[in-house]
């Protein structure tokens, strides 16, 4: 399994959450190889948030990472997107 790890600066939490729930999560859940996704609340001091979306294989995760890098979602700015191997999920 592989995960897309994304760090973002959240500029408008309400807009970011609305976009996430209304548009992003349904698209990601229908992506080939999707396993699970976790979106963390941003740090109040820095405004930075993290998300992890897990896929069956590296190519599926890489495709999702490429989409994330080119995204333009209201309320947030992508800072870093990486594809990493998942060692374990409990």
PDB file of N, CA and C in Angstrom:
ATOM      1  N   UNK A   1       0.840  -1.174   0.000  1.00  0.00           N
ATOM      2  CA  UNK A   1       0.000   0.000   0.000  1.00  0.00           C
ATOM      3  C   UNK A   1       0.889   1.242   0.000  1.00  0.00           C
ATOM      4  N   UNK A   2       0.333   2.299  -0.571  1.00  0.00           N
ATOM      5  CA  UNK A   2       1.021   3.587  -0.630  1.00  0.00           C
ATOM      6  C   UNK A   2       0.052   4.695  -0.237  1.00  0.00           C
ATOM      7  N   UNK A   3       0.605   5.751   0.351  1.00  0.00           N
ATOM      8  CA  UNK A   3      -0.228   6.871   0.781  1.00  0.00           C
ATOM      9  C   UNK A   3       0.245   8.162   0.135  1.00  0.00           C
ATOM     10  N   UNK A   4      -0.718   9.038  -0.095  1.00  0.00           N
ATOM     11  CA  UNK A   4      -0.415  10.407  -0.469  1.00  0.00           C
ATOM     12  C   UNK A   4      -0.452  11.207   0.827  1.00  0.00           C
ATOM     13  N   UNK A   5       0.678  11.808   1.161  1.00  0.00           N
ATOM     14  CA  UNK A   5       0.777  12.646   2.354  1.00  0.00           C
ATOM     15  C   UNK A   5       0.836  14.087   1.859  1.00  0.00           C
ATOM     16  N   UNK A   6      -0.117  14.893   2.302  1.00  0.00           N
ATOM     17  CA  UNK A   6      -0.206  16.257   1.806  1.00  0.00           C
ATOM     18  C   UNK A   6      -0.236  17.234   2.968  1.00  0.00           C
ATOM     19  N   UNK A   7       0.599  18.252   2.860  1.00  0.00           N
ATOM     20  CA  UNK A   7       0.637  19.337   3.843  1.00  0.00           C
ATOM     21  C   UNK A   7       0.090  20.582   3.156  1.00  0.00           C
ATOM     22  N   UNK A   8      -0.846  21.247   3.796  1.00  0.00           N
ATOM     23  CA  UNK A   8      -1.480  22.437   3.221  1.00  0.00           C
ATOM     24  C   UNK A   8      -1.496  23.566   4.229  1.00  0.00           C
ATOM     25  N   UNK A   9      -1.587  24.790   3.722  1.00  0.00           N
ATOM     26  CA  UNK A   9      -1.871  25.940   4.573  1.00  0.00           C
ATOM     27  C   UNK A   9      -3.353  26.227   4.401  1.00  0.00           C
ATOM     28  N   UNK A  10      -4.078  26.205   5.498  1.00  0.00           N
ATOM     29  CA  UNK A  10      -5.515  26.446   5.455  1.00  0.00           C
ATOM     30  C   UNK A  10      -5.754  27.936   5.661  1.00  0.00           C
ATOM     31  N   UNK A  11      -6.265  28.578   4.622  1.00  0.00           N
ATOM     32  CA  UNK A  11      -6.521  30.008   4.656  1.00  0.00           C
ATOM     33  C   UNK A  11      -7.920  30.321   5.173  1.00  0.00           C
ATOM     34  N   UNK A  12      -8.857  29.434   4.897  1.00  0.00           N
ATOM     35  CA  UNK A  12     -10.243  29.614   5.328  1.00  0.00           C
ATOM     36  C   UNK A  12     -10.784  28.228   5.666  1.00  0.00           C
ATOM     37  N   UNK A  13     -10.816  27.909   6.953  1.00  0.00           N
ATOM     38  CA  UNK A  13     -11.185  26.557   7.398  1.00  0.00           C
ATOM     39  C   UNK A  13     -12.587  26.180   6.944  1.00  0.00           C
ATOM     40  N   UNK A  14     -13.538  27.079   7.063  1.00  0.00           N
ATOM     41  CA  UNK A  14     -14.907  26.761   6.671  1.00  0.00           C
ATOM     42  C   UNK A  14     -14.986  26.400   5.188  1.00  0.00           C
ATOM     43  N   UNK A  15     -14.367  27.202   4.319  1.00  0.00           N
ATOM     44  CA  UNK A  15     -14.374  26.902   2.886  1.00  0.00           C
ATOM     45  C   UNK A  15     -13.667  25.579   2.594  1.00  0.00           C
ATOM     46  N   UNK A  16     -12.538  25.359   3.259  1.00  0.00           N
ATOM     47  CA  UNK A  16     -11.773  24.135   3.031  1.00  0.00           C
ATOM     48  C   UNK A  16     -12.580  22.898   3.419  1.00  0.00           C
ATOM     49  N   UNK A  17     -13.258  22.947   4.557  1.00  0.00           N
ATOM     50  CA  UNK A  17     -14.054  21.801   5.019  1.00  0.00           C
ATOM     51  C   UNK A  17     -15.255  21.572   4.101  1.00  0.00           C
ATOM     52  N   UNK A  18     -15.932  22.642   3.696  1.00  0.00           N
ATOM     53  CA  UNK A  18     -17.075  22.498   2.790  1.00  0.00           C
ATOM     54  C   UNK A  18     -16.649  21.847   1.480  1.00  0.00           C
ATOM     55  N   UNK A  19     -15.549  22.315   0.916  1.00  0.00           N
ATOM     56  CA  UNK A  19     -15.032  21.753  -0.339  1.00  0.00           C
ATOM     57  C   UNK A  19     -14.644  20.290  -0.151  1.00  0.00           C
ATOM     58  N   UNK A  20     -14.001  19.999   0.959  1.00  0.00           N
ATOM     59  CA  UNK A  20     -13.578  18.635   1.270  1.00  0.00           C
ATOM     60  C   UNK A  20     -14.781  17.700   1.318  1.00  0.00           C
ATOM     61  N   UNK A  21     -15.773  18.062   2.090  1.00  0.00           N
ATOM     62  CA  UNK A  21     -16.931  17.189   2.274  1.00  0.00           C
ATOM     63  C   UNK A  21     -17.810  17.094   1.035  1.00  0.00           C
ATOM     64  N   UNK A  22     -18.001  18.197   0.342  1.00  0.00           N
ATOM     65  CA  UNK A  22     -18.928  18.236  -0.784  1.00  0.00           C
ATOM     66  C   UNK A  22     -18.331  17.662  -2.072  1.00  0.00           C
ATOM     67  N   UNK A  23     -17.039  17.936  -2.313  1.00  0.00           N
ATOM     68  CA  UNK A  23     -16.472  17.565  -3.601  1.00  0.00           C
ATOM     69  C   UNK A  23     -15.300  16.592  -3.526  1.00  0.00           C
ATOM     70  N   UNK A  24     -14.347  16.874  -2.658  1.00  0.00           N
ATOM     71  CA  UNK A  24     -13.111  16.092  -2.677  1.00  0.00           C
ATOM     72  C   UNK A  24     -13.286  14.656  -2.193  1.00  0.00           C
ATOM     73  N   UNK A  25     -13.919  14.468  -1.052  1.00  0.00           N
ATOM     74  CA  UNK A  25     -14.055  13.112  -0.514  1.00  0.00           C
ATOM     75  C   UNK A  25     -14.817  12.183  -1.463  1.00  0.00           C
ATOM     76  N   UNK A  26     -15.936  12.600  -2.055  1.00  0.00           N
ATOM     77  CA  UNK A  26     -16.603  11.692  -2.999  1.00  0.00           C
ATOM     78  C   UNK A  26     -15.721  11.290  -4.183  1.00  0.00           C
ATOM     79  N   UNK A  27     -14.914  12.231  -4.686  1.00  0.00           N
ATOM     80  CA  UNK A  27     -14.029  11.911  -5.812  1.00  0.00           C
ATOM     81  C   UNK A  27     -12.948  10.935  -5.377  1.00  0.00           C
ATOM     82  N   UNK A  28     -12.333  11.199  -4.237  1.00  0.00           N
ATOM     83  CA  UNK A  28     -11.257  10.332  -3.756  1.00  0.00           C
ATOM     84  C   UNK A  28     -11.778   8.932  -3.447  1.00  0.00           C
ATOM     85  N   UNK A  29     -12.948   8.844  -2.822  1.00  0.00           N
ATOM     86  CA  UNK A  29     -13.499   7.527  -2.484  1.00  0.00           C
ATOM     87  C   UNK A  29     -13.770   6.675  -3.718  1.00  0.00           C
ATOM     88  N   UNK A  30     -13.990   7.314  -4.859  1.00  0.00           N
ATOM     89  CA  UNK A  30     -14.257   6.553  -6.083  1.00  0.00           C
ATOM     90  C   UNK A  30     -12.992   6.285  -6.897  1.00  0.00           C
ATOM     91  N   UNK A  31     -11.853   6.768  -6.432  1.00  0.00           N
ATOM     92  CA  UNK A  31     -10.593   6.565  -7.159  1.00  0.00           C
ATOM     93  C   UNK A  31     -10.168   5.103  -7.090  1.00  0.00           C
ATOM     94  N   UNK A  32      -9.574   4.598  -8.165  1.00  0.00           N
ATOM     95  CA  UNK A  32      -9.103   3.210  -8.166  1.00  0.00           C
ATOM     96  C   UNK A  32      -8.110   2.952  -7.037  1.00  0.00           C
ATOM     97  N   UNK A  33      -8.330   1.868  -6.306  1.00  0.00           N
ATOM     98  CA  UNK A  33      -7.413   1.459  -5.256  1.00  0.00           C
ATOM     99  C   UNK A  33      -7.556   2.189  -3.935  1.00  0.00           C
ATOM    100  N   UNK A  34      -8.548   3.087  -3.812  1.00  0.00           N
ATOM    101  CA  UNK A  34      -8.722   3.832  -2.570  1.00  0.00           C
ATOM    102  C   UNK A  34      -8.959   2.884  -1.403  1.00  0.00           C
ATOM    103  N   UNK A  35      -8.255   3.122  -0.287  1.00  0.00           N
ATOM    104  CA  UNK A  35      -8.437   2.344   0.938  1.00  0.00           C
ATOM    105  C   UNK A  35      -9.063   3.172   2.049  1.00  0.00           C
ATOM    106  N   UNK A  36      -8.425   4.298   2.382  1.00  0.00           N
ATOM    107  CA  UNK A  36      -8.908   5.146   3.465  1.00  0.00           C
ATOM    108  C   UNK A  36      -8.270   6.523   3.358  1.00  0.00           C
ATOM    109  N   UNK A  37      -8.882   7.491   4.004  1.00  0.00           N
ATOM    110  CA  UNK A  37      -8.330   8.841   4.015  1.00  0.00           C
ATOM    111  C   UNK A  37      -8.513   9.484   5.373  1.00  0.00           C
ATOM    112  N   UNK A  38      -7.539  10.302   5.759  1.00  0.00           N
ATOM    113  CA  UNK A  38      -7.583  11.007   7.038  1.00  0.00           C
ATOM    114  C   UNK A  38      -7.167  12.452   6.782  1.00  0.00           C
ATOM    115  N   UNK A  39      -7.990  13.387   7.209  1.00  0.00           N
ATOM    116  CA  UNK A  39      -7.697  14.810   7.082  1.00  0.00           C
ATOM    117  C   UNK A  39      -7.656  15.376   8.495  1.00  0.00           C
ATOM    118  N   UNK A  40      -6.528  15.972   8.855  1.00  0.00           N
ATOM    119  CA  UNK A  40      -6.346  16.495  10.208  1.00  0.00           C
ATOM    120  C   UNK A  40      -6.635  17.987  10.256  1.00  0.00           C
ATOM    121  N   UNK A  41      -7.149  18.424  11.373  1.00  0.00           N
ATOM    122  CA  UNK A  41      -7.421  19.836  11.590  1.00  0.00           C
ATOM    123  C   UNK A  41      -6.103  20.603  11.572  1.00  0.00           C
ATOM    124  N   UNK A  42      -6.114  21.822  11.027  1.00  0.00           N
ATOM    125  CA  UNK A  42      -4.860  22.576  10.965  1.00  0.00           C
ATOM    126  C   UNK A  42      -4.384  23.041  12.337  1.00  0.00           C
ATOM    127  N   UNK A  43      -3.079  23.177  12.454  1.00  0.00           N
ATOM    128  CA  UNK A  43      -2.472  23.754  13.636  1.00  0.00           C
ATOM    129  C   UNK A  43      -2.918  25.208  13.729  1.00  0.00           C
ATOM    130  N   UNK A  44      -3.401  25.626  14.868  1.00  0.00           N
ATOM    131  CA  UNK A  44      -3.954  26.976  15.008  1.00  0.00           C
ATOM    132  C   UNK A  44      -2.877  28.058  14.889  1.00  0.00           C
ATOM    133  N   UNK A  45      -1.637  27.748  15.253  1.00  0.00           N
ATOM    134  CA  UNK A  45      -0.568  28.744  15.189  1.00  0.00           C
ATOM    135  C   UNK A  45      -0.044  28.934  13.769  1.00  0.00           C
ATOM    136  N   UNK A  46       0.086  27.848  13.026  1.00  0.00           N
ATOM    137  CA  UNK A  46       0.692  27.925  11.691  1.00  0.00           C
ATOM    138  C   UNK A  46      -0.325  27.876  10.558  1.00  0.00           C
ATOM    139  N   UNK A  47      -1.519  27.342  10.828  1.00  0.00           N
ATOM    140  CA  UNK A  47      -2.515  27.167   9.784  1.00  0.00           C
ATOM    141  C   UNK A  47      -2.244  25.978   8.892  1.00  0.00           C
ATOM    142  N   UNK A  48      -1.240  25.160   9.255  1.00  0.00           N
ATOM    143  CA  UNK A  48      -0.886  24.006   8.426  1.00  0.00           C
ATOM    144  C   UNK A  48      -1.650  22.765   8.854  1.00  0.00           C
ATOM    145  N   UNK A  49      -2.176  22.064   7.843  1.00  0.00           N
ATOM    146  CA  UNK A  49      -2.887  20.823   8.077  1.00  0.00           C
ATOM    147  C   UNK A  49      -2.258  19.687   7.291  1.00  0.00           C
ATOM    148  N   UNK A  50      -2.563  18.468   7.684  1.00  0.00           N
ATOM    149  CA  UNK A  50      -2.045  17.273   7.022  1.00  0.00           C
ATOM    150  C   UNK A  50      -3.193  16.367   6.610  1.00  0.00           C
ATOM    151  N   UNK A  51      -2.962  15.658   5.519  1.00  0.00           N
ATOM    152  CA  UNK A  51      -3.899  14.612   5.138  1.00  0.00           C
ATOM    153  C   UNK A  51      -3.111  13.411   4.651  1.00  0.00           C
ATOM    154  N   UNK A  52      -3.718  12.244   4.807  1.00  0.00           N
ATOM    155  CA  UNK A  52      -3.142  10.983   4.361  1.00  0.00           C
ATOM    156  C   UNK A  52      -4.241  10.217   3.642  1.00  0.00           C
ATOM    157  N   UNK A  53      -3.992   9.835   2.404  1.00  0.00           N
ATOM    158  CA  UNK A  53      -4.958   9.045   1.657  1.00  0.00           C
ATOM    159  C   UNK A  53      -4.227   7.800   1.168  1.00  0.00           C
ATOM    160  N   UNK A  54      -4.749   6.624   1.512  1.00  0.00           N
ATOM    161  CA  UNK A  54      -4.075   5.358   1.259  1.00  0.00           C
ATOM    162  C   UNK A  54      -4.699   4.650   0.060  1.00  0.00           C
ATOM    163  N   UNK A  55      -3.819   4.103  -0.787  1.00  0.00           N
ATOM    164  CA  UNK A  55      -4.218   3.376  -1.988  1.00  0.00           C
ATOM    165  C   UNK A  55      -3.548   2.006  -2.014  1.00  0.00           C
ATOM    166  N   UNK A  56      -4.091   1.130  -2.848  1.00  0.00           N
ATOM    167  CA  UNK A  56      -3.551  -0.231  -2.955  1.00  0.00           C
ATOM    168  C   UNK A  56      -2.117  -0.267  -3.447  1.00  0.00           C
ATOM    169  N   UNK A  57      -1.795   0.560  -4.446  1.00  0.00           N
ATOM    170  CA  UNK A  57      -0.445   0.477  -5.004  1.00  0.00           C
ATOM    171  C   UNK A  57       0.147   1.849  -5.312  1.00  0.00           C
ATOM    172  N   UNK A  58       1.417   1.832  -5.637  1.00  0.00           N
ATOM    173  CA  UNK A  58       2.162   3.078  -5.836  1.00  0.00           C
ATOM    174  C   UNK A  58       1.644   3.897  -7.016  1.00  0.00           C
ATOM    175  N   UNK A  59       1.285   3.240  -8.106  1.00  0.00           N
ATOM    176  CA  UNK A  59       0.828   3.995  -9.275  1.00  0.00           C
ATOM    177  C   UNK A  59      -0.486   4.721  -8.984  1.00  0.00           C
ATOM    178  N   UNK A  60      -1.370   4.096  -8.233  1.00  0.00           N
ATOM    179  CA  UNK A  60      -2.634   4.738  -7.872  1.00  0.00           C
ATOM    180  C   UNK A  60      -2.379   5.944  -6.966  1.00  0.00           C
ATOM    181  N   UNK A  61      -1.481   5.783  -6.012  1.00  0.00           N
ATOM    182  CA  UNK A  61      -1.146   6.884  -5.112  1.00  0.00           C
ATOM    183  C   UNK A  61      -0.467   8.011  -5.886  1.00  0.00           C
ATOM    184  N   UNK A  62       0.415   7.669  -6.812  1.00  0.00           N
ATOM    185  CA  UNK A  62       1.105   8.687  -7.589  1.00  0.00           C
ATOM    186  C   UNK A  62       0.131   9.487  -8.451  1.00  0.00           C
ATOM    187  N   UNK A  63      -0.838   8.799  -9.025  1.00  0.00           N
ATOM    188  CA  UNK A  63      -1.852   9.494  -9.825  1.00  0.00           C
ATOM    189  C   UNK A  63      -2.633  10.490  -8.952  1.00  0.00           C
ATOM    190  N   UNK A  64      -2.999  10.069  -7.754  1.00  0.00           N
ATOM    191  CA  UNK A  64      -3.717  10.962  -6.837  1.00  0.00           C
ATOM    192  C   UNK A  64      -2.823  12.122  -6.400  1.00  0.00           C
ATOM    193  N   UNK A  65      -1.540  11.855  -6.171  1.00  0.00           N
ATOM    194  CA  UNK A  65      -0.611  12.911  -5.776  1.00  0.00           C
ATOM    195  C   UNK A  65      -0.468  13.947  -6.884  1.00  0.00           C
ATOM    196  N   UNK A  66      -0.415  13.502  -8.119  1.00  0.00           N
ATOM    197  CA  UNK A  66      -0.321  14.431  -9.248  1.00  0.00           C
ATOM    198  C   UNK A  66      -1.546  15.335  -9.306  1.00  0.00           C
ATOM    199  N   UNK A  67      -2.713  14.766  -9.062  1.00  0.00           N
ATOM    200  CA  UNK A  67      -3.941  15.566  -9.036  1.00  0.00           C
ATOM    201  C   UNK A  67      -3.905  16.566  -7.881  1.00  0.00           C
ATOM    202  N   UNK A  68      -3.425  16.128  -6.724  1.00  0.00           N
ATOM    203  CA  UNK A  68      -3.367  17.004  -5.543  1.00  0.00           C
ATOM    204  C   UNK A  68      -2.425  18.182  -5.780  1.00  0.00           C
ATOM    205  N   UNK A  69      -1.299  17.922  -6.444  1.00  0.00           N
ATOM    206  CA  UNK A  69      -0.336  19.002  -6.715  1.00  0.00           C
ATOM    207  C   UNK A  69      -0.932  20.084  -7.604  1.00  0.00           C
ATOM    208  N   UNK A  70      -1.807  19.697  -8.508  1.00  0.00           N
ATOM    209  CA  UNK A  70      -2.359  20.663  -9.459  1.00  0.00           C
ATOM    210  C   UNK A  70      -3.721  21.209  -9.022  1.00  0.00           C
ATOM    211  N   UNK A  71      -4.146  20.850  -7.818  1.00  0.00           N
ATOM    212  CA  UNK A  71      -5.471  21.278  -7.365  1.00  0.00           C
ATOM    213  C   UNK A  71      -5.476  22.755  -6.995  1.00  0.00           C
ATOM    214  N   UNK A  72      -6.650  23.322  -7.089  1.00  0.00           N
ATOM    215  CA  UNK A  72      -6.859  24.713  -6.714  1.00  0.00           C
ATOM    216  C   UNK A  72      -8.145  24.774  -5.903  1.00  0.00           C
ATOM    217  N   UNK A  73      -8.038  24.340  -4.649  1.00  0.00           N
ATOM    218  CA  UNK A  73      -9.227  24.266  -3.811  1.00  0.00           C
ATOM    219  C   UNK A  73      -9.390  25.535  -2.991  1.00  0.00           C
ATOM    220  N   UNK A  74     -10.604  26.057  -2.931  1.00  0.00           N
ATOM    221  CA  UNK A  74     -10.856  27.258  -2.127  1.00  0.00           C
ATOM    222  C   UNK A  74     -10.517  27.017  -0.657  1.00  0.00           C
ATOM    223  N   UNK A  75      -9.856  27.982  -0.049  1.00  0.00           N
ATOM    224  CA  UNK A  75      -9.602  27.916   1.379  1.00  0.00           C
ATOM    225  C   UNK A  75      -8.292  27.286   1.784  1.00  0.00           C
ATOM    226  N   UNK A  76      -7.527  26.725   0.814  1.00  0.00           N
ATOM    227  CA  UNK A  76      -6.253  26.118   1.193  1.00  0.00           C
ATOM    228  C   UNK A  76      -5.228  26.229   0.080  1.00  0.00           C
ATOM    229  N   UNK A  77      -3.962  26.174   0.493  1.00  0.00           N
ATOM    230  CA  UNK A  77      -2.845  26.239  -0.437  1.00  0.00           C
ATOM    231  C   UNK A  77      -1.957  25.028  -0.215  1.00  0.00           C
ATOM    232  N   UNK A  78      -1.737  24.185  -1.232  1.00  0.00           N
ATOM    233  CA  UNK A  78      -0.845  23.036  -1.066  1.00  0.00           C
ATOM    234  C   UNK A  78       0.589  23.495  -0.796  1.00  0.00           C
ATOM    235  N   UNK A  79       1.237  22.879   0.180  1.00  0.00           N
ATOM    236  CA  UNK A  79       2.624  23.190   0.502  1.00  0.00           C
ATOM    237  C   UNK A  79       3.562  22.063   0.108  1.00  0.00           C
ATOM    238  N   UNK A  80       3.116  20.814   0.302  1.00  0.00           N
ATOM    239  CA  UNK A  80       3.969  19.658   0.011  1.00  0.00           C
ATOM    240  C   UNK A  80       3.082  18.441  -0.228  1.00  0.00           C
ATOM    241  N   UNK A  81       3.405  17.682  -1.258  1.00  0.00           N
ATOM    242  CA  UNK A  81       2.681  16.447  -1.574  1.00  0.00           C
ATOM    243  C   UNK A  81       3.716  15.369  -1.821  1.00  0.00           C
ATOM    244  N   UNK A  82       3.600  14.258  -1.082  1.00  0.00           N
ATOM    245  CA  UNK A  82       4.537  13.145  -1.234  1.00  0.00           C
ATOM    246  C   UNK A  82       3.777  11.835  -1.344  1.00  0.00           C
ATOM    247  N   UNK A  83       4.386  10.884  -2.025  1.00  0.00           N
ATOM    248  CA  UNK A  83       3.870   9.519  -2.066  1.00  0.00           C
ATOM    249  C   UNK A  83       4.821   8.663  -1.246  1.00  0.00           C
ATOM    250  N   UNK A  84       4.278   7.979  -0.232  1.00  0.00           N
ATOM    251  CA  UNK A  84       5.112   7.189   0.677  1.00  0.00           C
ATOM    252  C   UNK A  84       4.524   5.784   0.829  1.00  0.00           C
ATOM    253  N   UNK A  85       5.408   4.828   1.061  1.00  0.00           N
ATOM    254  CA  UNK A  85       4.944   3.457   1.286  1.00  0.00           C
ATOM    255  C   UNK A  85       4.365   3.338   2.687  1.00  0.00           C
ATOM    256  N   UNK A  86       3.261   2.609   2.800  1.00  0.00           N
ATOM    257  CA  UNK A  86       2.619   2.363   4.090  1.00  0.00           C
ATOM    258  C   UNK A  86       3.203   1.088   4.671  1.00  0.00           C
ATOM    259  N   UNK A  87       3.678   1.177   5.891  1.00  0.00           N
ATOM    260  CA  UNK A  87       4.265   0.013   6.553  1.00  0.00           C
ATOM    261  C   UNK A  87       3.185  -0.786   7.267  1.00  0.00           C
ATOM    262  N   UNK A  88       2.247  -0.099   7.929  1.00  0.00           N
ATOM    263  CA  UNK A  88       1.203  -0.807   8.667  1.00  0.00           C
ATOM    264  C   UNK A  88       0.007   0.105   8.880  1.00  0.00           C
ATOM    265  N   UNK A  89      -1.162  -0.515   8.935  1.00  0.00           N
ATOM    266  CA  UNK A  89      -2.397   0.152   9.329  1.00  0.00           C
ATOM    267  C   UNK A  89      -3.042  -0.737  10.377  1.00  0.00           C
ATOM    268  N   UNK A  90      -3.444  -0.143  11.492  1.00  0.00           N
ATOM    269  CA  UNK A  90      -4.060  -0.941  12.552  1.00  0.00           C
ATOM    270  C   UNK A  90      -5.545  -0.657  12.597  1.00  0.00           C
TER     271      UNK A  90
END
